[in-house]
Amino acid sequence: MSMMIFEIISEVTEVEAIAVGSSIRDVQRLRKQYGRGRWKKMKGVAKIRLMKR
């Protein structure tokens, strides 16, 4: 698996939830690692700068 290294250079806009709670595939790991809460999988639009490796 390759990893992309990037920097966010603008505000994140057009933010929306695409999954909430138990509909998130990895919610058990998130709860174990970070605790309970109302987990949401979000998406949005921003300008980024890709870094060279």
C-alpha atoms as a PDB file:
ATOM      1  CA  MET A   1       0.000   0.000   0.000  1.00  0.00           C
ATOM      2  CA  SER A   2       1.445   3.382  -0.950  1.00  0.00           C
ATOM      3  CA  MET A   3       0.961   6.489   1.161  1.00  0.00           C
ATOM      4  CA  MET A   4       0.376   9.993  -0.179  1.00  0.00           C
ATOM      5  CA  ILE A   5       1.898  12.852   1.773  1.00  0.00           C
ATOM      6  CA  PHE A   6       0.018  16.143   1.412  1.00  0.00           C
ATOM      7  CA  GLU A   7      -0.695  19.492   3.039  1.00  0.00           C
ATOM      8  CA  ILE A   8      -4.159  21.100   3.104  1.00  0.00           C
ATOM      9  CA  ILE A   9      -3.773  24.674   1.790  1.00  0.00           C
ATOM     10  CA  SER A  10      -7.390  25.904   1.771  1.00  0.00           C
ATOM     11  CA  GLU A  11     -10.521  25.675   3.875  1.00  0.00           C
ATOM     12  CA  VAL A  12     -12.469  22.423   3.590  1.00  0.00           C
ATOM     13  CA  THR A  13     -15.829  23.185   1.952  1.00  0.00           C
ATOM     14  CA  GLU A  14     -18.876  21.178   0.847  1.00  0.00           C
ATOM     15  CA  VAL A  15     -18.573  19.044   4.005  1.00  0.00           C
ATOM     16  CA  GLU A  16     -21.112  16.243   4.379  1.00  0.00           C
ATOM     17  CA  ALA A  17     -21.519  13.034   6.384  1.00  0.00           C
ATOM     18  CA  ILE A  18     -21.417   9.876   4.266  1.00  0.00           C
ATOM     19  CA  ALA A  19     -21.759   7.315   7.099  1.00  0.00           C
ATOM     20  CA  VAL A  20     -22.774   7.503  10.769  1.00  0.00           C
ATOM     21  CA  GLY A  21     -22.328   5.098  13.691  1.00  0.00           C
ATOM     22  CA  SER A  22     -22.626   1.395  12.927  1.00  0.00           C
ATOM     23  CA  SER A  23     -22.693   1.982   9.151  1.00  0.00           C
ATOM     24  CA  ILE A  24     -18.969   2.869   9.370  1.00  0.00           C
ATOM     25  CA  ARG A  25     -17.032  -0.269   8.472  1.00  0.00           C
ATOM     26  CA  ASP A  26     -14.174   0.335  10.992  1.00  0.00           C
ATOM     27  CA  VAL A  27     -16.215   1.808  13.884  1.00  0.00           C
ATOM     28  CA  GLN A  28     -15.183  -0.921  16.369  1.00  0.00           C
ATOM     29  CA  ARG A  29     -11.495  -0.054  15.941  1.00  0.00           C
ATOM     30  CA  LEU A  30     -12.232   3.668  16.302  1.00  0.00           C
ATOM     31  CA  ARG A  31     -14.175   3.094  19.533  1.00  0.00           C
ATOM     32  CA  LYS A  32     -11.449   0.854  20.943  1.00  0.00           C
ATOM     33  CA  GLN A  33      -8.647   3.277  20.052  1.00  0.00           C
ATOM     34  CA  TYR A  34     -10.364   6.648  20.742  1.00  0.00           C
ATOM     35  CA  GLY A  35     -13.429   5.838  22.856  1.00  0.00           C
ATOM     36  CA  ARG A  36     -17.163   5.954  22.383  1.00  0.00           C
ATOM     37  CA  GLY A  37     -18.821   8.810  20.598  1.00  0.00           C
ATOM     38  CA  ARG A  38     -21.040   9.614  17.657  1.00  0.00           C
ATOM     39  CA  TRP A  39     -18.603   8.689  14.904  1.00  0.00           C
ATOM     40  CA  LYS A  40     -19.182  10.130  11.434  1.00  0.00           C
ATOM     41  CA  LYS A  41     -17.347   9.454   8.185  1.00  0.00           C
ATOM     42  CA  MET A  42     -17.116  12.814   6.429  1.00  0.00           C
ATOM     43  CA  LYS A  43     -16.087  14.089   3.014  1.00  0.00           C
ATOM     44  CA  GLY A  44     -15.348  17.559   1.679  1.00  0.00           C
ATOM     45  CA  VAL A  45     -13.431  19.558  -0.921  1.00  0.00           C
ATOM     46  CA  ALA A  46     -10.139  21.404  -0.388  1.00  0.00           C
ATOM     47  CA  LYS A  47      -7.005  22.410  -2.260  1.00  0.00           C
ATOM     48  CA  ILE A  48      -3.933  20.381  -1.329  1.00  0.00           C
ATOM     49  CA  ARG A  49      -0.219  20.419  -2.061  1.00  0.00           C
ATOM     50  CA  LEU A  50       1.334  17.007  -2.769  1.00  0.00           C
ATOM     51  CA  MET A  51       4.734  16.525  -1.134  1.00  0.00           C
ATOM     52  CA  LYS A  52       7.646  14.775  -2.786  1.00  0.00           C
ATOM     53  CA  ARG A  53       8.903  11.692  -0.994  1.00  0.00           C
END
